[in-house]
């Protein structure tokens, strides 16, 4: 049951990411690009979480999971700062 929840979280993150990227493709609003990429990386983090805790629990993938989370949040923060309108 626990593994099913991890897969649902991964599927939700992937769906959000793909919808955001589709919205970016139509509107070319760069904030949608950064958010979409963030969610795609969060999908990868959730997939690694599933692999870590369900498939190979004897191998610790905590560092990889944390690096993916950091990359996702850093990418979103970079996008928010980079695309802030200049005054």
C-alpha atoms as a PDB file:
ATOM      1  CA  UNK A   1       0.000   0.000   0.000  1.00  0.00           C
ATOM      2  CA  UNK A   2       2.854   2.353   0.851  1.00  0.00           C
ATOM      3  CA  UNK A   3       4.391   1.879  -2.599  1.00  0.00           C
ATOM      4  CA  UNK A   4       1.080   2.726  -4.244  1.00  0.00           C
ATOM      5  CA  UNK A   5       1.049   6.131  -2.529  1.00  0.00           C
ATOM      6  CA  UNK A   6       4.583   6.852  -3.776  1.00  0.00           C
ATOM      7  CA  UNK A   7       3.528   5.966  -7.319  1.00  0.00           C
ATOM      8  CA  UNK A   8       0.466   8.199  -7.067  1.00  0.00           C
ATOM      9  CA  UNK A   9       2.654  11.094  -5.930  1.00  0.00           C
ATOM     10  CA  UNK A  10       5.009  10.480  -8.847  1.00  0.00           C
ATOM     11  CA  UNK A  11       2.104  10.305 -11.304  1.00  0.00           C
ATOM     12  CA  UNK A  12       0.652  13.530  -9.928  1.00  0.00           C
ATOM     13  CA  UNK A  13       3.973  15.362 -10.228  1.00  0.00           C
ATOM     14  CA  UNK A  14       4.436  14.081 -13.792  1.00  0.00           C
ATOM     15  CA  UNK A  15       0.907  15.098 -14.775  1.00  0.00           C
ATOM     16  CA  UNK A  16       1.374  18.586 -13.330  1.00  0.00           C
ATOM     17  CA  UNK A  17       4.726  18.960 -15.058  1.00  0.00           C
ATOM     18  CA  UNK A  18       3.398  17.867 -18.434  1.00  0.00           C
ATOM     19  CA  UNK A  19       0.350  20.116 -18.177  1.00  0.00           C
ATOM     20  CA  UNK A  20       2.536  23.087 -17.245  1.00  0.00           C
ATOM     21  CA  UNK A  21       4.920  22.393 -20.128  1.00  0.00           C
ATOM     22  CA  UNK A  22       1.977  22.067 -22.510  1.00  0.00           C
ATOM     23  CA  UNK A  23       0.718  25.427 -21.273  1.00  0.00           C
ATOM     24  CA  UNK A  24       4.174  26.898 -21.849  1.00  0.00           C
ATOM     25  CA  UNK A  25       4.235  25.546 -25.393  1.00  0.00           C
ATOM     26  CA  UNK A  26       0.951  27.298 -26.174  1.00  0.00           C
ATOM     27  CA  UNK A  27       1.481  30.610 -24.368  1.00  0.00           C
ATOM     28  CA  UNK A  28       5.291  30.946 -24.164  1.00  0.00           C
ATOM     29  CA  UNK A  29       4.962  32.229 -20.588  1.00  0.00           C
ATOM     30  CA  UNK A  30       8.366  31.425 -19.141  1.00  0.00           C
ATOM     31  CA  UNK A  31       7.100  30.936 -15.594  1.00  0.00           C
ATOM     32  CA  UNK A  32       5.172  27.903 -16.865  1.00  0.00           C
ATOM     33  CA  UNK A  33       8.436  26.517 -18.238  1.00  0.00           C
ATOM     34  CA  UNK A  34      10.250  26.820 -14.913  1.00  0.00           C
ATOM     35  CA  UNK A  35       7.337  25.337 -12.959  1.00  0.00           C
ATOM     36  CA  UNK A  36       6.947  22.504 -15.459  1.00  0.00           C
ATOM     37  CA  UNK A  37      10.622  21.598 -15.290  1.00  0.00           C
ATOM     38  CA  UNK A  38      10.484  21.741 -11.491  1.00  0.00           C
ATOM     39  CA  UNK A  39       7.594  19.274 -11.425  1.00  0.00           C
ATOM     40  CA  UNK A  40       9.303  16.939 -13.889  1.00  0.00           C
ATOM     41  CA  UNK A  41      12.340  16.800 -11.606  1.00  0.00           C
ATOM     42  CA  UNK A  42      10.028  16.265  -8.621  1.00  0.00           C
ATOM     43  CA  UNK A  43       8.547  13.338 -10.553  1.00  0.00           C
ATOM     44  CA  UNK A  44      12.047  11.887 -10.855  1.00  0.00           C
ATOM     45  CA  UNK A  45      12.559  12.410  -7.118  1.00  0.00           C
ATOM     46  CA  UNK A  46       9.321  10.574  -6.348  1.00  0.00           C
ATOM     47  CA  UNK A  47      10.274   7.744  -8.699  1.00  0.00           C
ATOM     48  CA  UNK A  48      13.632   7.391  -6.943  1.00  0.00           C
ATOM     49  CA  UNK A  49      11.793   7.432  -3.605  1.00  0.00           C
ATOM     50  CA  UNK A  50       9.677   4.490  -4.782  1.00  0.00           C
ATOM     51  CA  UNK A  51      12.755   2.613  -5.956  1.00  0.00           C
ATOM     52  CA  UNK A  52      14.610   3.414  -2.724  1.00  0.00           C
ATOM     53  CA  UNK A  53      11.922   2.377  -0.263  1.00  0.00           C
ATOM     54  CA  UNK A  54      10.035  -0.354  -2.126  1.00  0.00           C
ATOM     55  CA  UNK A  55      12.206  -2.010  -4.772  1.00  0.00           C
ATOM     56  CA  UNK A  56      15.694  -1.880  -3.210  1.00  0.00           C
ATOM     57  CA  UNK A  57      15.237  -1.003   0.482  1.00  0.00           C
ATOM     58  CA  UNK A  58      18.720  -2.305   1.317  1.00  0.00           C
ATOM     59  CA  UNK A  59      20.341   0.435  -0.799  1.00  0.00           C
ATOM     60  CA  UNK A  60      20.200   3.998   0.533  1.00  0.00           C
ATOM     61  CA  UNK A  61      19.369   6.517  -2.196  1.00  0.00           C
ATOM     62  CA  UNK A  62      18.743   9.404   0.191  1.00  0.00           C
ATOM     63  CA  UNK A  63      21.544  11.547  -1.259  1.00  0.00           C
ATOM     64  CA  UNK A  64      20.199  11.182  -4.806  1.00  0.00           C
ATOM     65  CA  UNK A  65      16.677  12.017  -3.634  1.00  0.00           C
ATOM     66  CA  UNK A  66      17.850  15.109  -1.791  1.00  0.00           C
ATOM     67  CA  UNK A  67      19.935  16.261  -4.761  1.00  0.00           C
ATOM     68  CA  UNK A  68      16.927  15.944  -7.058  1.00  0.00           C
ATOM     69  CA  UNK A  69      14.760  17.904  -4.629  1.00  0.00           C
ATOM     70  CA  UNK A  70      17.420  20.597  -4.362  1.00  0.00           C
ATOM     71  CA  UNK A  71      17.729  20.745  -8.144  1.00  0.00           C
ATOM     72  CA  UNK A  72      13.959  21.126  -8.571  1.00  0.00           C
ATOM     73  CA  UNK A  73      13.615  23.916  -6.036  1.00  0.00           C
ATOM     74  CA  UNK A  74      16.790  25.641  -7.255  1.00  0.00           C
ATOM     75  CA  UNK A  75      15.546  25.563 -10.839  1.00  0.00           C
ATOM     76  CA  UNK A  76      12.238  27.095  -9.815  1.00  0.00           C
ATOM     77  CA  UNK A  77      13.969  29.749  -7.712  1.00  0.00           C
ATOM     78  CA  UNK A  78      16.334  30.549 -10.579  1.00  0.00           C
ATOM     79  CA  UNK A  79      13.381  30.915 -12.941  1.00  0.00           C
ATOM     80  CA  UNK A  80      11.531  33.187 -10.545  1.00  0.00           C
ATOM     81  CA  UNK A  81      14.564  35.421 -10.073  1.00  0.00           C
ATOM     82  CA  UNK A  82      15.666  35.384 -13.718  1.00  0.00           C
ATOM     83  CA  UNK A  83      12.245  36.251 -15.137  1.00  0.00           C
ATOM     84  CA  UNK A  84      11.355  38.947 -12.617  1.00  0.00           C
ATOM     85  CA  UNK A  85      10.510  42.125 -14.530  1.00  0.00           C
ATOM     86  CA  UNK A  86      13.212  44.760 -14.199  1.00  0.00           C
ATOM     87  CA  UNK A  87      12.202  48.274 -13.154  1.00  0.00           C
END
